[in-house]
Structure formats: C-alpha cells, structure tokens
Amino acid sequence: MSVRDTRTSAGTTRSDDERFPVDNPGVEHEPPRWTDADPDAGRSAYTFVVGCFALVPVLAIAFVVIYFAVPQDVFIDVGSNHYMAQHLLLGLTLGLAILLIGVGAVQWARLLMDDTERTEERHTAASSAETRTAAIDIVYQGLQETNLGRRKLIGRSLLGALGVLVAPAAVLLADLGPWPTARVRAETIERTIWGEGVRLVNDVTYEPILAADLEIGQLVNAEPENLQEFHGHHLQVERAKAAIIVVRMDPNSITIPESRSSWHVNGILSYSKICTHVGCPISLWEQQTHHLLCPCHQSTFDLGNSGVVVFGPAARSLPQLPISTDAEGYLIATSDFTVPVGPSYFERDSRNDYEDGDA
C-alpha cells in the first residue's frame, strides 16, 4: 500500500495510512527553564547539587565513627519506643547519605542538564544498524548535555560521594558474623544455657514442670528457667538454641541405650525442639509410634530410640538433653546438650551423634 505524506508549515506530518489516523501535533512551545533564564538561579542550583554530593562523605565517615564509638548497650527512648542508639544513628547517617545522592542527581537532571524537548517516530522492534548507530550517537550527545565539561565539580563530587559509600558497605559486610573458628563455635552456636540443676519450665507460663504431672503420651514445649535472665537480642538467641520438647512414654515401649540410662525419668525424655535439617521448630507428635515429625520437610525422629532419624532429609539424630528431678520432684537438666543443637553445617564434627545401635 502506498503512503502519501504531506507536511504542514509547522513541520507536522499527515498521512492517509490507516496506522496514523491523527496528525502529528508536534512539540508545543515551552518557556525557558528558570535556571536557564536566570544565571544566578543556575549557579544556586549548581551549588545545591554539589553541596548534596559533598555532604555524603561526611555522613559516611560519621557512619563508621558511630559504628565503632557508640556502645551497643546505649538506648534512646522516643515516646513509648525503645531504640538501640547505634542502630538508630547508623540508619540516619547511611539513609541521609543515600537520600542526598538521589536528591542531588534528580535536581541535576531537572535544573542543569539540557532541557530541550524532542519527538521521534515509532519504529519496529528490530532496529537497523543505522538506528543502533544513531542510538550510540544519542548516548554521546546525552553525555555532552550533562554539561560536565563546564561543571566538572558535579561529576567529581558525585564520584566521590559514590566512592566513599564503600566504607559503610565494607563495615557492614565485615560484621555479618564472626569467623566460625573452633573457639567461636564452642562459645556460641555449640552451647546453650542449659546446665546442671537448671529447671525445665513451660515455654508459655514459665511454670516448672513436675514429673508426676506428666501423663504417658503427653508432649510439653519447654525452655530453661534461667532464660528469664536474658533480654532483647540475647533473649532471642538463647531461646532459639535452648528450646526443647518433653515427652513421657511407657518405659517398656522404648529403647534406652546403656550410655543414656540416666538421661530419663521413668520414661520422661527431653529433646531439642530444633530440627537437625534446616532448623525448623518441631512438635508434631505421634503418640503411638513415638515419632516426632518436622512440618517443613517431613524429617521424622524416633524419640523412643534416642531421637534417631527414621525418615526425611535430616542427617543427624535429634539431640537429647540429659534430665533428672530435684528434691521437689521438678524436672531439671543434669548438663548441657552433649552435641550441638540445630541444623548441621560443614564444619561440625558430628561423630558424637547417636546412631541406631550405639551402646
């Protein structure tokens, strides 16, 4: 189909092609931008943009200083909220630094870059070689229109602002966690607050658990009584590691190895509540089979046989907590777990994990 184009005196194109039923309206005349019309306004905008970028290094340095200088046990009260001072100040300095880069970049584009409006005809999705070459030319033209040739300080201050943000990023990345040396693991993830004489308490009411009150087939979610001595972050860390389940089974229906003959109280046993696969909390209890099922990936542990894995992806037995009773008949721990609780990881030496058939 032939296409007939005519051009008006205004330069717009009309066509009898059905794809273009509306005449090209062209580009409406726009008054000059105020920063282009007023040299003082342009200089003020230039100073503002440079100032935004120049403040970023100051805030980045403040971030690093706050990280090392402000103790983690200092808090700021704002109304009814209780904030850790270090976290609040780190958030403010880093947030303002990123905000200033954004504000400076936006004002640079709005007030100082080239403001000429243009239109172009739509084209098919597949660009020709000439179009790609033209696109590259437009990119270079855009670089020229940033006016960095005349206002070099903007580019330098922006590069400095972006470059100095490496310092806060490096500090945060270095603090993702301690190096997992044997000593660090032994002091953190491989120990809990369980110990000799620590009472087992209900994880909701914190009431001590009386051995005589447990019925055969019953399961209770529990925590150590000394968990109440911790607060904030430390409370959550210790709670996650020390969570246990307490079950009572008929002693005649379970297997108690000789090495664990003193770890139970008349069929009452205690195990870690944390699955050894990926750390999900588990308490789906099958009374008849003595199996404990993890809801995440269906790892199944036989609590009637020292917590060995009978199904699923878990590779380690569920850690068992040695327990006894005190003079009042309440359940107490006789030691910490003998193996680390929680999911396995490649550094862990799991040779002490119980396996079916161990003595």
Protein backbone atom coordinates (compact mmCIF):
# COMPACT_ATOMS: atom_id res chain seq x y z
CA MET A 1 0.00 0.00 0.00
CA SER A 2 1.36 3.39 -0.95
CA VAL A 3 1.61 6.07 1.67
CA ARG A 4 1.25 9.72 0.83
CA ASP A 5 2.78 12.20 3.27
CA THR A 6 2.28 15.93 3.33
CA ARG A 7 3.99 18.43 5.57
CA THR A 8 2.36 21.49 7.04
CA SER A 9 4.04 24.80 7.53
CA ALA A 10 4.54 23.86 11.17
CA GLY A 11 6.55 20.80 10.15
CA THR A 12 3.99 18.20 11.20
CA THR A 13 3.32 15.17 9.02
CA ARG A 14 -0.09 13.97 7.89
CA SER A 15 -0.67 10.61 6.24
CA ASP A 16 -3.53 8.71 4.67
CA ASP A 17 -2.06 5.49 6.15
CA GLU A 18 -4.62 3.84 8.47
CA ARG A 19 -1.90 3.37 11.07
CA PHE A 20 -1.62 7.12 11.54
CA PRO A 21 -5.18 8.48 11.74
CA VAL A 22 -4.20 11.52 13.82
CA ASP A 23 -1.95 14.32 12.65
CA ASN A 24 1.35 14.76 14.44
CA PRO A 25 0.77 17.66 16.85
CA GLY A 26 4.50 18.43 17.08
CA VAL A 27 6.17 19.81 20.18
CA GLU A 28 4.43 22.62 21.99
CA HIS A 29 6.45 25.70 22.72
CA GLU A 30 7.76 25.72 26.29
CA PRO A 31 9.02 28.83 28.09
CA PRO A 32 12.71 28.74 29.04
CA ARG A 33 13.57 26.98 32.30
CA TRP A 34 14.15 29.40 35.17
CA THR A 35 17.67 28.15 35.80
CA ASP A 36 18.48 28.77 32.12
CA ALA A 37 16.88 32.23 32.07
CA ASP A 38 18.42 33.40 35.36
CA PRO A 39 22.20 32.86 35.69
CA ASP A 40 22.00 33.36 39.47
CA ALA A 41 19.38 30.63 39.74
CA GLY A 42 21.58 28.31 37.69
CA ARG A 43 24.53 28.96 39.99
CA SER A 44 22.35 28.36 43.05
CA ALA A 45 21.15 25.04 41.65
CA TYR A 46 24.74 24.12 40.81
CA THR A 47 25.84 24.91 44.37
CA PHE A 48 22.93 22.90 45.81
CA VAL A 49 23.77 19.80 43.76
CA VAL A 50 27.45 19.97 44.65
CA GLY A 51 26.53 20.51 48.31
CA CYS A 52 24.35 17.38 48.34
CA PHE A 53 27.17 15.28 46.95
CA ALA A 54 29.75 16.91 49.23
CA LEU A 55 27.79 16.04 52.39
CA VAL A 56 27.80 12.32 51.56
CA PRO A 57 31.46 11.72 52.54
CA VAL A 58 30.82 13.49 55.86
CA LEU A 59 27.87 11.22 56.62
CA ALA A 60 29.81 8.13 55.51
CA ILE A 61 32.67 8.98 57.88
CA ALA A 62 30.13 9.64 60.65
CA PHE A 63 28.63 6.19 59.99
CA VAL A 64 32.00 4.50 60.52
CA VAL A 65 32.75 6.56 63.64
CA ILE A 66 29.34 5.76 65.16
CA TYR A 67 29.80 2.06 64.41
CA PHE A 68 32.98 1.89 66.47
CA ALA A 69 32.33 4.65 69.06
CA VAL A 70 28.71 4.14 70.17
CA PRO A 71 28.29 1.16 72.55
CA GLN A 72 25.60 -1.38 71.74
CA ASP A 73 24.10 -1.11 75.22
CA VAL A 74 23.11 2.57 74.82
CA PHE A 75 19.42 3.15 74.04
CA ILE A 76 17.30 6.15 73.06
CA ASP A 77 13.69 6.47 74.21
CA VAL A 78 11.32 8.19 71.75
CA GLY A 79 7.87 8.24 73.26
CA SER A 80 6.96 4.66 74.11
CA ASN A 81 9.59 3.24 71.75
CA HIS A 82 12.98 1.94 72.92
CA TYR A 83 15.68 2.20 70.24
CA MET A 84 19.27 1.00 70.25
CA ALA A 85 21.26 4.22 69.80
CA GLN A 86 23.86 2.67 67.49
CA HIS A 87 21.28 1.23 65.10
CA LEU A 88 19.27 4.48 65.04
CA LEU A 89 22.32 6.64 64.28
CA LEU A 90 23.68 4.22 61.69
CA GLY A 91 20.34 4.22 59.91
CA LEU A 92 20.11 8.02 59.94
CA THR A 93 23.61 8.63 58.59
CA LEU A 94 23.52 5.98 55.87
CA GLY A 95 19.92 6.82 54.93
CA LEU A 96 20.68 10.54 54.62
CA ALA A 97 23.79 9.82 52.54
CA ILE A 98 21.80 7.76 50.04
CA LEU A 99 18.99 10.32 50.06
CA LEU A 100 21.38 13.18 49.28
CA ILE A 101 22.82 11.31 46.31
CA GLY A 102 19.29 10.80 44.98
CA VAL A 103 18.22 14.40 45.60
CA GLY A 104 21.39 15.77 44.02
CA ALA A 105 21.01 13.56 40.95
CA VAL A 106 17.34 14.50 40.49
CA GLN A 107 17.99 18.25 40.82
CA TRP A 108 20.96 17.97 38.47
CA ALA A 109 18.71 16.39 35.83
CA ARG A 110 15.80 18.81 36.42
CA LEU A 111 17.66 22.09 36.65
CA LEU A 112 21.08 21.80 34.99
CA MET A 113 21.03 19.19 32.23
CA ASP A 114 19.82 20.05 28.73
CA ASP A 115 16.08 20.79 28.73
CA THR A 116 15.30 20.58 25.01
CA GLU A 117 12.18 18.52 24.24
CA ARG A 118 12.27 16.15 21.28
CA THR A 119 9.98 13.73 19.48
CA GLU A 120 10.74 10.77 17.29
CA GLU A 121 8.75 8.41 15.13
CA ARG A 122 7.93 4.98 16.48
CA HIS A 123 9.77 2.16 14.83
CA THR A 124 9.62 -1.59 14.71
CA ALA A 125 11.16 -3.68 17.48
CA ALA A 126 14.04 -4.81 15.26
CA SER A 127 16.41 -1.90 14.94
CA SER A 128 18.55 -1.44 11.87
CA ALA A 129 22.29 -0.92 12.01
CA GLU A 130 21.75 2.74 11.25
CA THR A 131 19.33 3.04 14.18
CA ARG A 132 21.77 1.40 16.58
CA THR A 133 24.49 3.74 15.42
CA ALA A 134 22.13 6.66 15.93
CA ALA A 135 21.36 5.39 19.44
CA ILE A 136 25.06 5.42 20.31
CA ASP A 137 25.28 8.94 18.97
CA ILE A 138 22.36 9.93 21.21
CA VAL A 139 24.17 8.48 24.23
CA TYR A 140 27.26 10.53 23.48
CA GLN A 141 25.07 13.56 22.91
CA GLY A 142 23.42 12.97 26.27
CA LEU A 143 26.82 12.82 27.93
CA GLN A 144 27.66 16.16 26.37
CA GLU A 145 24.35 17.61 27.53
CA THR A 146 25.14 16.81 31.16
CA ASN A 147 27.38 19.86 30.97
CA LEU A 148 30.07 18.05 32.90
CA GLY A 149 32.59 19.68 30.62
CA ARG A 150 31.73 23.09 32.08
CA ARG A 151 30.64 21.95 35.53
CA LYS A 152 33.29 19.37 36.29
CA LEU A 153 32.86 19.66 40.05
CA ILE A 154 29.46 17.92 39.86
CA GLY A 155 30.96 14.80 38.34
CA ARG A 156 33.87 14.78 40.75
CA SER A 157 31.67 15.30 43.78
CA LEU A 158 29.28 12.56 42.59
CA LEU A 159 32.14 10.10 42.08
CA GLY A 160 33.49 10.99 45.49
CA ALA A 161 30.08 10.53 47.11
CA LEU A 162 29.57 7.13 45.49
CA GLY A 163 33.12 6.02 46.17
CA VAL A 164 33.13 6.89 49.85
CA LEU A 165 29.98 4.80 50.40
CA VAL A 166 32.25 1.79 50.01
CA ALA A 167 33.40 2.41 53.59
CA PRO A 168 29.98 1.84 55.27
CA ALA A 169 29.36 -1.13 52.97
CA ALA A 170 32.70 -2.69 53.92
CA VAL A 171 31.99 -2.19 57.62
CA LEU A 172 28.57 -3.82 57.35
CA LEU A 173 29.83 -6.74 55.28
CA ALA A 174 32.67 -7.34 57.73
CA ASP A 175 30.12 -7.50 60.55
CA LEU A 176 27.88 -10.17 59.04
CA GLY A 177 29.18 -12.51 61.71
CA PRO A 178 32.33 -13.74 63.42
CA TRP A 179 34.65 -16.12 61.64
CA PRO A 180 33.46 -19.64 62.56
CA THR A 181 36.65 -20.79 64.25
CA ALA A 182 36.50 -23.74 66.62
CA ARG A 183 36.71 -21.41 69.62
CA VAL A 184 33.95 -19.11 68.38
CA ARG A 185 31.68 -22.05 67.58
CA ALA A 186 32.28 -23.56 71.02
CA GLU A 187 31.32 -20.26 72.68
CA THR A 188 28.25 -19.54 70.56
CA ILE A 189 26.30 -21.98 68.40
CA GLU A 190 27.68 -25.14 70.00
CA ARG A 191 26.50 -24.36 73.52
CA THR A 192 23.22 -23.42 75.21
CA ILE A 193 22.30 -22.05 78.64
CA TRP A 194 21.27 -25.49 79.84
CA GLY A 195 23.41 -26.75 82.70
CA GLU A 196 23.38 -28.87 85.82
CA GLY A 197 20.39 -28.10 88.03
CA VAL A 198 18.55 -25.81 85.56
CA ARG A 199 14.82 -26.45 85.79
CA LEU A 200 12.66 -27.25 82.79
CA VAL A 201 9.78 -24.75 82.55
CA ASN A 202 6.72 -24.42 80.28
CA ASP A 203 7.62 -22.12 77.36
CA VAL A 204 4.42 -20.07 77.77
CA THR A 205 3.81 -19.80 81.51
CA TYR A 206 7.40 -20.45 82.69
CA GLU A 207 5.97 -22.78 85.33
CA PRO A 208 8.37 -25.55 86.44
CA ILE A 209 7.42 -28.99 85.15
CA LEU A 210 6.60 -31.54 87.84
CA ALA A 211 7.50 -35.04 86.70
CA ALA A 212 4.46 -36.55 88.45
CA ASP A 213 2.10 -34.32 86.45
CA LEU A 214 3.13 -35.69 83.04
CA GLU A 215 0.97 -38.43 81.58
CA ILE A 216 2.09 -41.13 79.17
CA GLY A 217 1.83 -39.83 75.62
CA GLN A 218 1.96 -36.16 76.65
CA LEU A 219 4.28 -33.64 74.99
CA VAL A 220 5.23 -30.29 76.54
CA ASN A 221 7.16 -27.44 74.88
CA ALA A 222 9.72 -26.13 77.34
CA GLU A 223 12.62 -23.76 77.93
CA PRO A 224 15.30 -23.42 80.65
CA GLU A 225 14.23 -21.47 83.73
CA ASN A 226 17.29 -19.20 83.53
CA LEU A 227 16.12 -17.90 80.12
CA GLN A 228 14.27 -15.18 82.07
CA GLU A 229 17.63 -13.64 82.98
CA PHE A 230 18.18 -12.54 79.36
CA HIS A 231 16.66 -9.61 77.46
CA GLY A 232 16.41 -8.22 73.93
CA HIS A 233 18.65 -9.78 71.30
CA HIS A 234 20.36 -12.14 73.74
CA LEU A 235 16.98 -13.48 74.87
CA GLN A 236 16.01 -14.41 71.30
CA VAL A 237 19.38 -16.06 70.59
CA GLU A 238 19.31 -18.21 73.71
CA ARG A 239 15.62 -19.06 73.29
CA ALA A 240 16.25 -20.30 69.74
CA LYS A 241 19.04 -22.64 70.83
CA ALA A 242 17.61 -23.89 74.14
CA ALA A 243 14.04 -24.73 73.07
CA ILE A 244 13.12 -28.33 73.93
CA ILE A 245 10.23 -30.76 73.97
CA VAL A 246 9.48 -33.02 76.92
CA VAL A 247 7.64 -36.31 76.31
CA ARG A 248 6.55 -39.14 78.54
CA MET A 249 6.40 -42.68 77.13
CA ASP A 250 5.88 -46.11 78.60
CA PRO A 251 9.41 -47.23 79.63
CA ASN A 252 8.57 -50.74 78.41
CA SER A 253 7.86 -49.50 74.87
CA ILE A 254 11.06 -47.55 74.26
CA THR A 255 14.75 -48.30 73.80
CA ILE A 256 17.11 -46.73 76.31
CA PRO A 257 20.79 -47.34 75.43
CA GLU A 258 23.19 -48.08 78.28
CA SER A 259 25.06 -44.85 77.59
CA ARG A 260 21.86 -42.88 78.31
CA SER A 261 20.37 -44.92 81.11
CA SER A 262 20.46 -41.94 83.46
CA TRP A 263 19.11 -39.38 80.95
CA HIS A 264 15.41 -40.04 81.58
CA VAL A 265 12.96 -40.06 84.49
CA ASN A 266 10.69 -43.10 84.36
CA GLY A 267 10.09 -42.73 80.59
CA ILE A 268 10.23 -38.92 80.56
CA LEU A 269 12.76 -37.74 77.97
CA SER A 270 13.74 -34.32 76.65
CA TYR A 271 14.97 -33.47 73.15
CA SER A 272 15.94 -30.32 71.25
CA LYS A 273 12.97 -28.72 69.52
CA ILE A 274 15.16 -27.63 66.57
CA CYS A 275 15.24 -29.93 63.54
CA THR A 276 18.73 -31.01 62.53
CA HIS A 277 17.93 -30.46 58.85
CA VAL A 278 17.44 -26.68 58.46
CA GLY A 279 16.41 -25.67 61.98
CA CYS A 280 12.60 -25.65 61.89
CA PRO A 281 10.85 -25.91 65.27
CA ILE A 282 9.13 -29.29 65.59
CA SER A 283 6.43 -30.63 67.87
CA LEU A 284 4.19 -32.80 65.65
CA TRP A 285 3.96 -35.80 67.97
CA GLU A 286 2.72 -39.27 67.07
CA GLN A 287 1.97 -40.93 70.39
CA GLN A 288 1.58 -44.48 69.09
CA THR A 289 4.79 -44.63 67.08
CA HIS A 290 6.84 -42.28 69.31
CA HIS A 291 7.78 -40.35 66.15
CA LEU A 292 8.33 -36.59 66.01
CA LEU A 293 7.65 -35.07 62.58
CA CYS A 294 9.14 -31.82 61.24
CA PRO A 295 6.46 -29.86 59.32
CA CYS A 296 8.96 -28.22 56.96
CA HIS A 297 10.49 -31.16 55.10
CA GLN A 298 9.00 -34.17 56.89
CA SER A 299 12.14 -35.30 58.70
CA THR A 300 10.98 -37.86 61.26
CA PHE A 301 12.76 -38.75 64.50
CA ASP A 302 12.14 -41.76 66.75
CA LEU A 303 12.02 -40.38 70.30
CA GLY A 304 11.58 -43.91 71.59
CA ASN A 305 15.06 -44.73 70.28
CA SER A 306 17.25 -41.77 71.26
CA GLY A 307 15.93 -39.48 68.52
CA VAL A 308 17.38 -41.30 65.52
CA VAL A 309 16.25 -40.25 62.03
CA VAL A 310 13.76 -42.70 60.51
CA PHE A 311 12.67 -40.63 57.50
CA GLY A 312 13.43 -37.43 55.63
CA PRO A 313 16.46 -35.32 54.76
CA ALA A 314 17.80 -34.77 58.30
CA ALA A 315 21.25 -36.34 58.68
CA ARG A 316 21.70 -36.18 62.45
CA SER A 317 19.80 -37.60 65.38
CA LEU A 318 17.76 -35.12 67.41
CA PRO A 319 20.00 -34.02 70.33
CA GLN A 320 18.79 -35.35 73.68
CA LEU A 321 19.05 -33.35 76.92
CA PRO A 322 20.06 -35.36 79.99
CA ILE A 323 17.43 -34.77 82.72
CA SER A 324 16.65 -35.77 86.30
CA THR A 325 14.50 -34.41 89.14
CA ASP A 326 15.32 -32.16 92.09
CA ALA A 327 14.31 -32.67 95.70
CA GLU A 328 10.83 -31.28 94.97
CA GLY A 329 10.20 -33.59 92.02
CA TYR A 330 10.62 -30.93 89.33
CA LEU A 331 12.45 -31.81 86.13
CA ILE A 332 15.98 -30.43 85.87
CA ALA A 333 18.85 -30.75 83.40
CA THR A 334 21.95 -32.58 84.52
CA SER A 335 24.17 -30.92 81.89
CA ASP A 336 24.07 -29.07 78.61
CA PHE A 337 23.46 -30.96 75.37
CA THR A 338 26.38 -33.26 74.62
CA VAL A 339 26.26 -32.36 70.90
CA PRO A 340 25.43 -29.05 69.19
CA VAL A 341 21.75 -28.41 68.55
CA GLY A 342 20.24 -27.10 65.33
CA PRO A 343 20.93 -27.77 61.66
CA SER A 344 24.14 -29.39 60.51
CA TYR A 345 26.88 -27.39 58.85
CA PHE A 346 30.06 -28.39 57.10
CA GLU A 347 32.47 -27.56 59.95
CA ARG A 348 30.60 -29.56 62.57
CA ASP A 349 32.19 -32.76 63.87
CA SER A 350 29.14 -34.97 64.35
CA ARG A 351 30.95 -38.17 65.30
CA ASN A 352 29.35 -37.98 68.76
CA ASP A 353 25.80 -38.02 67.38
CA TYR A 354 23.80 -41.02 68.47
CA GLU A 355 23.07 -43.61 65.79
CA ASP A 356 20.77 -46.58 65.91
CA GLY A 357 22.59 -49.48 67.53
CA ASP A 358 25.02 -47.40 69.60
CA ALA A 359 25.57 -48.60 73.14
